[in-house]
Amino acid sequence: MSEDDADDPKRGERIAKWLARAGVASRRDAEKMIAEGRVKLGGKVVETPATFITPGDHVTVDGKPVAAAERTRLFRYHKPDGLVTTHRDPEGRPTVFEKLPPGLPRLISVGRLDLTSEGLLLLTNDGALARKLELPSNGWLRRYRVRVHGKVDEKALAALSRGVTVEGVQYGPIEAGLDARQGTNSWLTVSIHEGKNREIRRVMAHLGLEVTRLIRTAYGPFQLGVLPRGAVEEVNAKVLRDQLGLEAPKRLREVAQEPVAEPLPEGPRRPPKARNAGMGPRRPVRGRDRRGRDD
């Protein structure tokens, strides 16, 4: 942490960090809100993210009051395709947050899934926690079930473990294995650790394969399991302690650097010939993406 990022116990907590902990947005997005003049403290527009907040201060975003941070909560969400992972979409497309069940706190996503991707999406009310969970120092795998159209070359899939460069973009090691083949369609299990923008789709296209379905089944130690499509389930305090090394029910302050991953469930139903197909390699690899983008 730099000197500029440090809080001053005498003056309080920096407003961007305070907004992130309150679940308004990630710290980076909170800084953008401040730059756009959308944040006010005591009725006055906040001009710098270096502004400090103390207990009892009145903060508003877009004219709406922001309550002090509640206890940190983490949720698993089974994202359907056709939803964007943003709070507001300039093109007017439906968003994940518009489709969440009522009664939930304001939530932000941990990483993203694009419009046509589906599966596990982690949601939290703590922007600081979201940022920590996206850090490459966690070394967390993002595992996917991928349906592709085209002729699969298993040797080419295996070669992805050494990394690949596509149109000038270098991707790190990717673990990919063939689970089932039915005509010109195949199911793959793919594990990535960088999570660059549309990484899986671009790498598969490089191999002459069209991705027709992409389902995230795991993000680090958290699994999609049998969570129904569109459903949300809160991660309980014991799991947070066990997997993240966090205290509960107090606010979550530290994230363990090397959580132990659990084995994956079988994931979505496969074609009949693939009932006994394996889920592919499970060796952990380390990630580098600092923005937490996926597929």
C-alpha atoms as a PDB file:
ATOM      1  CA  MET A   1       0.000   0.000   0.000  1.00  0.00           C
ATOM      2  CA  SER A   2       1.349   3.412  -0.944  1.00  0.00           C
ATOM      3  CA  GLU A   3       1.436   6.377   1.358  1.00  0.00           C
ATOM      4  CA  ASP A   4      -1.322   7.977  -0.710  1.00  0.00           C
ATOM      5  CA  ASP A   5      -3.605   4.992  -0.156  1.00  0.00           C
ATOM      6  CA  ALA A   6      -3.139   4.863   3.592  1.00  0.00           C
ATOM      7  CA  ASP A   7      -5.940   6.006   5.889  1.00  0.00           C
ATOM      8  CA  ASP A   8      -5.246   8.488   8.684  1.00  0.00           C
ATOM      9  CA  PRO A   9      -6.728   7.296  12.004  1.00  0.00           C
ATOM     10  CA  LYS A  10      -7.090  10.917  13.113  1.00  0.00           C
ATOM     11  CA  ARG A  11      -8.878  12.089   9.969  1.00  0.00           C
ATOM     12  CA  GLY A  12     -10.808   8.917   9.137  1.00  0.00           C
ATOM     13  CA  GLU A  13     -11.056   6.771   6.003  1.00  0.00           C
ATOM     14  CA  ARG A  14     -10.581   7.882   2.395  1.00  0.00           C
ATOM     15  CA  ILE A  15     -13.941   8.341   0.699  1.00  0.00           C
ATOM     16  CA  ALA A  16     -13.292   6.054  -2.299  1.00  0.00           C
ATOM     17  CA  LYS A  17     -12.370   3.207   0.033  1.00  0.00           C
ATOM     18  CA  TRP A  18     -15.373   4.020   2.260  1.00  0.00           C
ATOM     19  CA  LEU A  19     -17.730   3.896  -0.742  1.00  0.00           C
ATOM     20  CA  ALA A  20     -16.236   0.567  -1.815  1.00  0.00           C
ATOM     21  CA  ARG A  21     -16.753  -0.942   1.625  1.00  0.00           C
ATOM     22  CA  ALA A  22     -20.319   0.370   1.607  1.00  0.00           C
ATOM     23  CA  GLY A  23     -20.928  -1.608  -1.574  1.00  0.00           C
ATOM     24  CA  VAL A  24     -21.559   1.390  -3.812  1.00  0.00           C
ATOM     25  CA  ALA A  25     -18.922   0.413  -6.356  1.00  0.00           C
ATOM     26  CA  SER A  26     -15.394  -0.848  -6.606  1.00  0.00           C
ATOM     27  CA  ARG A  27     -12.754   1.575  -5.392  1.00  0.00           C
ATOM     28  CA  ARG A  28     -11.716   2.389  -8.952  1.00  0.00           C
ATOM     29  CA  ASP A  29     -15.331   3.068 -10.011  1.00  0.00           C
ATOM     30  CA  ALA A  30     -15.884   5.143  -6.868  1.00  0.00           C
ATOM     31  CA  GLU A  31     -12.956   7.331  -7.903  1.00  0.00           C
ATOM     32  CA  LYS A  32     -14.613   7.783 -11.308  1.00  0.00           C
ATOM     33  CA  MET A  33     -17.856   8.803  -9.627  1.00  0.00           C
ATOM     34  CA  ILE A  34     -15.967  11.404  -7.628  1.00  0.00           C
ATOM     35  CA  ALA A  35     -14.278  12.739 -10.779  1.00  0.00           C
ATOM     36  CA  GLU A  36     -17.729  13.034 -12.411  1.00  0.00           C
ATOM     37  CA  GLY A  37     -19.044  15.104  -9.497  1.00  0.00           C
ATOM     38  CA  ARG A  38     -21.610  12.500  -8.464  1.00  0.00           C
ATOM     39  CA  VAL A  39     -20.503  12.273  -4.826  1.00  0.00           C
ATOM     40  CA  LYS A  40     -21.310  14.835  -2.142  1.00  0.00           C
ATOM     41  CA  LEU A  41     -20.167  15.130   1.462  1.00  0.00           C
ATOM     42  CA  GLY A  42     -22.303  17.277   3.708  1.00  0.00           C
ATOM     43  CA  GLY A  43     -24.076  18.678   0.649  1.00  0.00           C
ATOM     44  CA  LYS A  44     -20.865  19.727  -1.118  1.00  0.00           C
ATOM     45  CA  VAL A  45     -19.423  18.022  -4.181  1.00  0.00           C
ATOM     46  CA  VAL A  46     -16.372  15.917  -3.352  1.00  0.00           C
ATOM     47  CA  GLU A  47     -13.498  17.035  -5.575  1.00  0.00           C
ATOM     48  CA  THR A  48     -10.815  14.504  -4.697  1.00  0.00           C
ATOM     49  CA  PRO A  49     -10.700  10.844  -3.600  1.00  0.00           C
ATOM     50  CA  ALA A  50      -8.229  11.982  -0.925  1.00  0.00           C
ATOM     51  CA  THR A  51     -11.209  13.332   1.050  1.00  0.00           C
ATOM     52  CA  PHE A  52     -11.590  11.646   4.442  1.00  0.00           C
ATOM     53  CA  ILE A  53     -14.785  10.290   6.020  1.00  0.00           C
ATOM     54  CA  THR A  54     -15.451  10.150   9.749  1.00  0.00           C
ATOM     55  CA  PRO A  55     -18.365   8.530  11.619  1.00  0.00           C
ATOM     56  CA  GLY A  56     -21.525  10.602  11.290  1.00  0.00           C
ATOM     57  CA  ASP A  57     -20.627  12.212   7.947  1.00  0.00           C
ATOM     58  CA  HIS A  58     -23.494  12.455   5.445  1.00  0.00           C
ATOM     59  CA  VAL A  59     -22.534  11.134   2.002  1.00  0.00           C
ATOM     60  CA  THR A  60     -24.716  10.971  -1.111  1.00  0.00           C
ATOM     61  CA  VAL A  61     -24.184   9.478  -4.566  1.00  0.00           C
ATOM     62  CA  ASP A  62     -26.421  10.822  -7.341  1.00  0.00           C
ATOM     63  CA  GLY A  63     -28.473  12.503  -4.628  1.00  0.00           C
ATOM     64  CA  LYS A  64     -29.130   9.277  -2.708  1.00  0.00           C
ATOM     65  CA  PRO A  65     -27.744   8.885   0.820  1.00  0.00           C
ATOM     66  CA  VAL A  66     -25.155   6.157   1.401  1.00  0.00           C
ATOM     67  CA  ALA A  67     -25.376   4.251   4.663  1.00  0.00           C
ATOM     68  CA  ALA A  68     -22.301   3.148   6.547  1.00  0.00           C
ATOM     69  CA  ALA A  69     -20.911  -0.223   5.567  1.00  0.00           C
ATOM     70  CA  GLU A  70     -22.726  -3.305   6.822  1.00  0.00           C
ATOM     71  CA  ARG A  71     -21.107  -6.644   7.548  1.00  0.00           C
ATOM     72  CA  THR A  72     -19.447  -8.110   4.498  1.00  0.00           C
ATOM     73  CA  ARG A  73     -21.536 -10.616   2.586  1.00  0.00           C
ATOM     74  CA  LEU A  74     -20.685 -12.831  -0.395  1.00  0.00           C
ATOM     75  CA  PHE A  75     -23.153 -14.531  -2.734  1.00  0.00           C
ATOM     76  CA  ARG A  76     -23.013 -17.172  -5.465  1.00  0.00           C
ATOM     77  CA  TYR A  77     -25.190 -16.349  -8.464  1.00  0.00           C
ATOM     78  CA  HIS A  78     -26.016 -18.561 -11.449  1.00  0.00           C
ATOM     79  CA  LYS A  79     -25.935 -16.004 -14.249  1.00  0.00           C
ATOM     80  CA  PRO A  80     -28.115 -16.805 -17.275  1.00  0.00           C
ATOM     81  CA  ASP A  81     -26.949 -15.758 -20.721  1.00  0.00           C
ATOM     82  CA  GLY A  82     -28.396 -12.550 -22.154  1.00  0.00           C
ATOM     83  CA  LEU A  83     -27.478 -10.362 -19.151  1.00  0.00           C
ATOM     84  CA  VAL A  84     -24.627  -7.862 -18.886  1.00  0.00           C
ATOM     85  CA  THR A  85     -22.579  -7.641 -15.698  1.00  0.00           C
ATOM     86  CA  THR A  86     -22.980  -3.915 -15.100  1.00  0.00           C
ATOM     87  CA  HIS A  87     -25.350  -1.765 -13.051  1.00  0.00           C
ATOM     88  CA  ARG A  88     -26.258   0.400 -16.034  1.00  0.00           C
ATOM     89  CA  ASP A  89     -25.936  -0.459 -19.702  1.00  0.00           C
ATOM     90  CA  PRO A  90     -25.774   2.407 -22.240  1.00  0.00           C
ATOM     91  CA  GLU A  91     -27.367   0.136 -24.867  1.00  0.00           C
ATOM     92  CA  GLY A  92     -30.340  -0.608 -22.641  1.00  0.00           C
ATOM     93  CA  ARG A  93     -29.669  -4.337 -22.379  1.00  0.00           C
ATOM     94  CA  PRO A  94     -30.919  -6.181 -19.269  1.00  0.00           C
ATOM     95  CA  THR A  95     -28.371  -6.387 -16.461  1.00  0.00           C
ATOM     96  CA  VAL A  96     -27.553  -8.947 -13.819  1.00  0.00           C
ATOM     97  CA  PHE A  97     -28.505  -6.527 -11.064  1.00  0.00           C
ATOM     98  CA  GLU A  98     -31.949  -5.818 -12.515  1.00  0.00           C
ATOM     99  CA  LYS A  99     -32.763  -9.530 -12.403  1.00  0.00           C
ATOM    100  CA  LEU A 100     -31.633 -10.277  -8.846  1.00  0.00           C
ATOM    101  CA  PRO A 101     -34.332 -11.300  -6.342  1.00  0.00           C
ATOM    102  CA  PRO A 102     -35.682  -8.509  -4.109  1.00  0.00           C
ATOM    103  CA  GLY A 103     -34.396  -7.972  -0.590  1.00  0.00           C
ATOM    104  CA  LEU A 104     -30.677  -8.156  -1.345  1.00  0.00           C
ATOM    105  CA  PRO A 105     -28.228  -5.384  -0.406  1.00  0.00           C
ATOM    106  CA  ARG A 106     -26.572  -3.332  -3.120  1.00  0.00           C
ATOM    107  CA  LEU A 107     -24.090  -5.716  -4.716  1.00  0.00           C
ATOM    108  CA  ILE A 108     -21.158  -5.569  -7.109  1.00  0.00           C
ATOM    109  CA  SER A 109     -19.607  -8.400  -9.071  1.00  0.00           C
ATOM    110  CA  VAL A 110     -16.295 -10.137  -8.551  1.00  0.00           C
ATOM    111  CA  GLY A 111     -14.954 -10.231 -12.082  1.00  0.00           C
ATOM    112  CA  ARG A 112     -17.365 -10.387 -15.006  1.00  0.00           C
ATOM    113  CA  LEU A 113     -19.075 -12.683 -17.460  1.00  0.00           C
ATOM    114  CA  ASP A 114     -19.949 -11.305 -20.874  1.00  0.00           C
ATOM    115  CA  LEU A 115     -23.438 -11.118 -22.392  1.00  0.00           C
ATOM    116  CA  THR A 116     -23.611 -14.647 -23.777  1.00  0.00           C
ATOM    117  CA  SER A 117     -21.632 -16.376 -21.008  1.00  0.00           C
ATOM    118  CA  GLU A 118     -23.361 -18.030 -18.082  1.00  0.00           C
ATOM    119  CA  GLY A 119     -22.613 -19.802 -14.831  1.00  0.00           C
ATOM    120  CA  LEU A 120     -21.024 -18.818 -11.543  1.00  0.00           C
ATOM    121  CA  LEU A 121     -20.736 -15.119 -10.730  1.00  0.00           C
ATOM    122  CA  LEU A 122     -19.678 -13.996  -7.254  1.00  0.00           C
ATOM    123  CA  LEU A 123     -21.443 -10.939  -5.835  1.00  0.00           C
ATOM    124  CA  THR A 124     -20.561  -8.956  -2.710  1.00  0.00           C
ATOM    125  CA  ASN A 125     -21.663  -5.835  -0.882  1.00  0.00           C
ATOM    126  CA  ASP A 126     -18.018  -4.926  -0.181  1.00  0.00           C
ATOM    127  CA  GLY A 127     -16.060  -3.346  -3.027  1.00  0.00           C
ATOM    128  CA  ALA A 128     -12.781  -3.754  -1.164  1.00  0.00           C
ATOM    129  CA  LEU A 129     -13.393  -7.499  -0.870  1.00  0.00           C
ATOM    130  CA  ALA A 130     -14.285  -7.713  -4.579  1.00  0.00           C
ATOM    131  CA  ARG A 131     -10.982  -6.128  -5.467  1.00  0.00           C
ATOM    132  CA  LYS A 132      -9.070  -8.523  -3.217  1.00  0.00           C
ATOM    133  CA  LEU A 133     -10.792 -11.575  -4.695  1.00  0.00           C
ATOM    134  CA  GLU A 134      -9.791 -10.464  -8.199  1.00  0.00           C
ATOM    135  CA  LEU A 135      -6.100 -10.094  -7.376  1.00  0.00           C
ATOM    136  CA  PRO A 136      -3.741 -12.505  -9.172  1.00  0.00           C
ATOM    137  CA  SER A 137      -1.913 -13.163  -5.894  1.00  0.00           C
ATOM    138  CA  ASN A 138      -4.812 -15.469  -4.935  1.00  0.00           C
ATOM    139  CA  GLY A 139      -3.706 -17.881  -7.658  1.00  0.00           C
ATOM    140  CA  TRP A 140      -7.302 -18.921  -8.269  1.00  0.00           C
ATOM    141  CA  LEU A 141      -8.449 -20.956 -11.262  1.00  0.00           C
ATOM    142  CA  ARG A 142     -11.542 -19.994 -13.216  1.00  0.00           C
ATOM    143  CA  ARG A 143     -12.973 -23.233 -14.599  1.00  0.00           C
ATOM    144  CA  TYR A 144     -15.436 -23.487 -17.503  1.00  0.00           C
ATOM    145  CA  ARG A 145     -17.491 -26.002 -19.428  1.00  0.00           C
ATOM    146  CA  VAL A 146     -17.252 -25.002 -23.077  1.00  0.00           C
ATOM    147  CA  ARG A 147     -19.268 -26.285 -26.021  1.00  0.00           C
ATOM    148  CA  VAL A 148     -17.548 -25.768 -29.351  1.00  0.00           C
ATOM    149  CA  HIS A 149     -18.447 -26.353 -32.966  1.00  0.00           C
ATOM    150  CA  GLY A 150     -15.723 -27.675 -35.256  1.00  0.00           C
ATOM    151  CA  LYS A 151     -13.053 -30.345 -35.380  1.00  0.00           C
ATOM    152  CA  VAL A 152     -11.189 -30.586 -32.068  1.00  0.00           C
ATOM    153  CA  ASP A 153      -7.467 -31.321 -32.223  1.00  0.00           C
ATOM    154  CA  GLU A 154      -6.551 -32.739 -28.809  1.00  0.00           C
ATOM    155  CA  LYS A 155      -2.846 -32.102 -29.403  1.00  0.00           C
ATOM    156  CA  ALA A 156      -3.601 -28.437 -30.074  1.00  0.00           C
ATOM    157  CA  LEU A 157      -5.614 -28.277 -26.838  1.00  0.00           C
ATOM    158  CA  ALA A 158      -2.737 -29.814 -24.881  1.00  0.00           C
ATOM    159  CA  ALA A 159      -0.308 -27.293 -26.381  1.00  0.00           C
ATOM    160  CA  LEU A 160      -2.298 -24.456 -24.781  1.00  0.00           C
ATOM    161  CA  SER A 161      -0.698 -25.408 -21.455  1.00  0.00           C
ATOM    162  CA  ARG A 162       2.440 -23.658 -22.730  1.00  0.00           C
ATOM    163  CA  GLY A 163       0.558 -20.441 -23.477  1.00  0.00           C
ATOM    164  CA  VAL A 164      -0.401 -19.005 -26.850  1.00  0.00           C
ATOM    165  CA  THR A 165      -0.262 -15.690 -28.712  1.00  0.00           C
ATOM    166  CA  VAL A 166      -3.355 -14.656 -30.682  1.00  0.00           C
ATOM    167  CA  GLU A 167      -3.342 -11.508 -32.839  1.00  0.00           C
ATOM    168  CA  GLY A 168      -0.496 -10.042 -30.846  1.00  0.00           C
ATOM    169  CA  VAL A 169      -2.045 -10.805 -27.439  1.00  0.00           C
ATOM    170  CA  GLN A 170      -0.098 -13.260 -25.298  1.00  0.00           C
ATOM    171  CA  TYR A 171      -2.122 -15.602 -23.110  1.00  0.00           C
ATOM    172  CA  GLY A 172      -0.644 -17.620 -20.276  1.00  0.00           C
ATOM    173  CA  PRO A 173      -1.045 -21.368 -19.721  1.00  0.00           C
ATOM    174  CA  ILE A 174      -4.545 -22.715 -20.361  1.00  0.00           C
ATOM    175  CA  GLU A 175      -5.575 -26.214 -19.297  1.00  0.00           C
ATOM    176  CA  ALA A 176      -8.068 -27.616 -21.821  1.00  0.00           C
ATOM    177  CA  GLY A 177      -9.342 -31.169 -22.294  1.00  0.00           C
ATOM    178  CA  LEU A 178     -11.931 -32.903 -24.458  1.00  0.00           C
ATOM    179  CA  ASP A 179     -14.820 -34.393 -22.453  1.00  0.00           C
ATOM    180  CA  ALA A 180     -17.234 -35.494 -25.163  1.00  0.00           C
ATOM    181  CA  ARG A 181     -17.711 -35.379 -28.904  1.00  0.00           C
ATOM    182  CA  GLN A 182     -21.014 -35.648 -30.743  1.00  0.00           C
ATOM    183  CA  GLY A 183     -20.846 -35.007 -34.467  1.00  0.00           C
ATOM    184  CA  THR A 184     -19.317 -31.572 -35.053  1.00  0.00           C
ATOM    185  CA  ASN A 185     -20.049 -30.430 -31.485  1.00  0.00           C
ATOM    186  CA  SER A 186     -17.805 -31.109 -28.511  1.00  0.00           C
ATOM    187  CA  TRP A 187     -17.719 -30.324 -24.795  1.00  0.00           C
ATOM    188  CA  LEU A 188     -14.437 -29.157 -23.280  1.00  0.00           C
ATOM    189  CA  THR A 189     -13.285 -28.382 -19.766  1.00  0.00           C
ATOM    190  CA  VAL A 190     -11.133 -25.248 -19.771  1.00  0.00           C
ATOM    191  CA  SER A 191      -9.263 -23.683 -16.845  1.00  0.00           C
ATOM    192  CA  ILE A 192      -7.678 -20.252 -17.110  1.00  0.00           C
ATOM    193  CA  HIS A 193      -5.702 -18.119 -14.724  1.00  0.00           C
ATOM    194  CA  GLU A 194      -5.351 -14.777 -16.510  1.00  0.00           C
ATOM    195  CA  GLY A 195      -8.952 -14.024 -17.378  1.00  0.00           C
ATOM    196  CA  LYS A 196      -8.215 -11.550 -20.164  1.00  0.00           C
ATOM    197  CA  ASN A 197     -11.153 -10.100 -22.074  1.00  0.00           C
ATOM    198  CA  ARG A 198     -12.949 -12.867 -24.051  1.00  0.00           C
ATOM    199  CA  GLU A 199      -9.891 -15.049 -23.605  1.00  0.00           C
ATOM    200  CA  ILE A 200     -11.528 -18.431 -24.130  1.00  0.00           C
ATOM    201  CA  ARG A 201     -13.516 -17.380 -27.183  1.00  0.00           C
ATOM    202  CA  ARG A 202     -10.495 -15.839 -28.871  1.00  0.00           C
ATOM    203  CA  VAL A 203      -8.202 -18.779 -28.155  1.00  0.00           C
ATOM    204  CA  MET A 204     -10.785 -21.285 -29.376  1.00  0.00           C
ATOM    205  CA  ALA A 205     -11.317 -19.236 -32.554  1.00  0.00           C
ATOM    206  CA  HIS A 206      -7.542 -19.362 -33.038  1.00  0.00           C
ATOM    207  CA  LEU A 207      -7.870 -23.180 -33.043  1.00  0.00           C
ATOM    208  CA  GLY A 208     -10.676 -23.020 -35.614  1.00  0.00           C
ATOM    209  CA  LEU A 209     -13.428 -23.666 -33.044  1.00  0.00           C
ATOM    210  CA  GLU A 210     -16.580 -21.629 -32.514  1.00  0.00           C
ATOM    211  CA  VAL A 211     -17.751 -21.352 -28.901  1.00  0.00           C
ATOM    212  CA  THR A 212     -21.499 -21.945 -28.823  1.00  0.00           C
ATOM    213  CA  ARG A 213     -21.887 -22.131 -25.055  1.00  0.00           C
ATOM    214  CA  LEU A 214     -19.640 -21.059 -22.180  1.00  0.00           C
ATOM    215  CA  ILE A 215     -20.462 -21.870 -18.551  1.00  0.00           C
ATOM    216  CA  ARG A 216     -18.254 -20.939 -15.595  1.00  0.00           C
ATOM    217  CA  THR A 217     -18.381 -23.726 -13.018  1.00  0.00           C
ATOM    218  CA  ALA A 218     -15.831 -22.469 -10.483  1.00  0.00           C
ATOM    219  CA  TYR A 219     -14.076 -19.313  -9.352  1.00  0.00           C
ATOM    220  CA  GLY A 220     -11.276 -20.303  -7.022  1.00  0.00           C
ATOM    221  CA  PRO A 221     -12.716 -22.430  -4.200  1.00  0.00           C
ATOM    222  CA  PHE A 222     -16.310 -21.404  -4.965  1.00  0.00           C
ATOM    223  CA  GLN A 223     -18.380 -23.789  -7.092  1.00  0.00           C
ATOM    224  CA  LEU A 224     -21.518 -23.421  -9.220  1.00  0.00           C
ATOM    225  CA  GLY A 225     -22.665 -26.859  -8.120  1.00  0.00           C
ATOM    226  CA  VAL A 226     -26.404 -27.448  -8.525  1.00  0.00           C
ATOM    227  CA  LEU A 227     -27.398 -23.818  -8.005  1.00  0.00           C
ATOM    228  CA  PRO A 228     -30.443 -23.267 -10.272  1.00  0.00           C
ATOM    229  CA  ARG A 229     -30.225 -20.865 -13.185  1.00  0.00           C
ATOM    230  CA  GLY A 230     -30.947 -17.306 -12.011  1.00  0.00           C
ATOM    231  CA  ALA A 231     -30.725 -18.269  -8.317  1.00  0.00           C
ATOM    232  CA  VAL A 232     -28.648 -16.539  -5.616  1.00  0.00           C
ATOM    233  CA  GLU A 233     -27.233 -18.210  -2.524  1.00  0.00           C
ATOM    234  CA  GLU A 234     -25.251 -16.533   0.237  1.00  0.00           C
ATOM    235  CA  VAL A 235     -21.915 -18.021   1.249  1.00  0.00           C
ATOM    236  CA  ASN A 236     -22.129 -18.699   4.965  1.00  0.00           C
ATOM    237  CA  ALA A 237     -19.715 -17.361   7.550  1.00  0.00           C
ATOM    238  CA  LYS A 238     -17.996 -20.711   8.156  1.00  0.00           C
ATOM    239  CA  VAL A 239     -17.132 -21.104   4.476  1.00  0.00           C
ATOM    240  CA  LEU A 240     -15.767 -17.551   4.403  1.00  0.00           C
ATOM    241  CA  ARG A 241     -13.548 -18.366   7.374  1.00  0.00           C
ATOM    242  CA  ASP A 242     -12.392 -21.674   5.917  1.00  0.00           C
ATOM    243  CA  GLN A 243     -11.788 -20.541   2.347  1.00  0.00           C
ATOM    244  CA  LEU A 244     -10.661 -16.949   2.797  1.00  0.00           C
ATOM    245  CA  GLY A 245      -9.229 -16.878   6.290  1.00  0.00           C
ATOM    246  CA  LEU A 246     -11.662 -14.130   7.230  1.00  0.00           C
ATOM    247  CA  GLU A 247     -13.232 -13.264  10.536  1.00  0.00           C
ATOM    248  CA  ALA A 248     -16.998 -13.427  10.816  1.00  0.00           C
ATOM    249  CA  PRO A 249     -19.446 -11.988  11.614  1.00  0.00           C
ATOM    250  CA  LYS A 250     -17.165  -8.959  11.828  1.00  0.00           C
ATOM    251  CA  ARG A 251     -16.193  -7.090   8.664  1.00  0.00           C
ATOM    252  CA  LEU A 252     -13.853  -9.109   6.499  1.00  0.00           C
ATOM    253  CA  ARG A 253     -10.397  -7.568   6.584  1.00  0.00           C
ATOM    254  CA  GLU A 254      -7.802  -9.948   5.199  1.00  0.00           C
ATOM    255  CA  VAL A 255      -7.887 -12.413   2.328  1.00  0.00           C
ATOM    256  CA  ALA A 256      -5.693 -15.506   2.558  1.00  0.00           C
ATOM    257  CA  GLN A 257      -3.115 -15.621  -0.220  1.00  0.00           C
ATOM    258  CA  GLU A 258      -3.383 -19.344  -0.932  1.00  0.00           C
ATOM    259  CA  PRO A 259      -6.844 -20.786  -0.174  1.00  0.00           C
ATOM    260  CA  VAL A 260      -7.313 -24.504  -0.697  1.00  0.00           C
ATOM    261  CA  ALA A 261      -9.524 -25.304  -3.688  1.00  0.00           C
ATOM    262  CA  GLU A 262     -12.252 -27.943  -3.400  1.00  0.00           C
ATOM    263  CA  PRO A 263     -12.915 -30.530  -6.134  1.00  0.00           C
ATOM    264  CA  LEU A 264     -15.369 -29.455  -8.820  1.00  0.00           C
ATOM    265  CA  PRO A 265     -18.876 -30.840  -9.190  1.00  0.00           C
ATOM    266  CA  GLU A 266     -19.770 -32.436 -12.483  1.00  0.00           C
ATOM    267  CA  GLY A 267     -21.339 -29.257 -13.920  1.00  0.00           C
ATOM    268  CA  PRO A 268     -24.110 -29.081 -16.530  1.00  0.00           C
ATOM    269  CA  ARG A 269     -25.568 -32.168 -18.194  1.00  0.00           C
ATOM    270  CA  ARG A 270     -23.427 -33.511 -21.019  1.00  0.00           C
ATOM    271  CA  PRO A 271     -24.367 -35.486 -24.130  1.00  0.00           C
ATOM    272  CA  PRO A 272     -25.297 -39.138 -23.333  1.00  0.00           C
ATOM    273  CA  LYS A 273     -21.915 -40.549 -24.398  1.00  0.00           C
ATOM    274  CA  ALA A 274     -20.072 -38.362 -21.914  1.00  0.00           C
ATOM    275  CA  ARG A 275     -21.554 -39.579 -18.624  1.00  0.00           C
ATOM    276  CA  ASN A 276     -18.230 -40.852 -17.358  1.00  0.00           C
ATOM    277  CA  ALA A 277     -16.046 -38.192 -18.940  1.00  0.00           C
ATOM    278  CA  GLY A 278     -13.518 -36.578 -16.621  1.00  0.00           C
ATOM    279  CA  MET A 279     -13.485 -32.955 -15.686  1.00  0.00           C
ATOM    280  CA  GLY A 280      -9.958 -32.434 -16.992  1.00  0.00           C
ATOM    281  CA  PRO A 281      -6.795 -31.484 -15.096  1.00  0.00           C
ATOM    282  CA  ARG A 282      -7.051 -29.919 -11.672  1.00  0.00           C
ATOM    283  CA  ARG A 283      -3.570 -28.544 -11.204  1.00  0.00           C
ATOM    284  CA  PRO A 284      -3.711 -25.012  -9.716  1.00  0.00           C
ATOM    285  CA  VAL A 285      -2.065 -22.283 -11.735  1.00  0.00           C
ATOM    286  CA  ARG A 286      -1.399 -18.709 -10.840  1.00  0.00           C
ATOM    287  CA  GLY A 287      -3.238 -15.764 -12.338  1.00  0.00           C
ATOM    288  CA  ARG A 288      -2.088 -12.320 -13.396  1.00  0.00           C
ATOM    289  CA  ASP A 289      -5.193 -10.359 -14.402  1.00  0.00           C
ATOM    290  CA  ARG A 290      -5.513  -7.289 -12.192  1.00  0.00           C
ATOM    291  CA  ARG A 291      -8.952  -6.331 -13.463  1.00  0.00           C
ATOM    292  CA  GLY A 292     -10.650  -9.616 -12.809  1.00  0.00           C
ATOM    293  CA  ARG A 293     -12.084  -9.899 -16.334  1.00  0.00           C
ATOM    294  CA  ASP A 294     -13.218 -13.316 -17.440  1.00  0.00           C
ATOM    295  CA  ASP A 295     -13.624 -15.319 -20.673  1.00  0.00           C
END
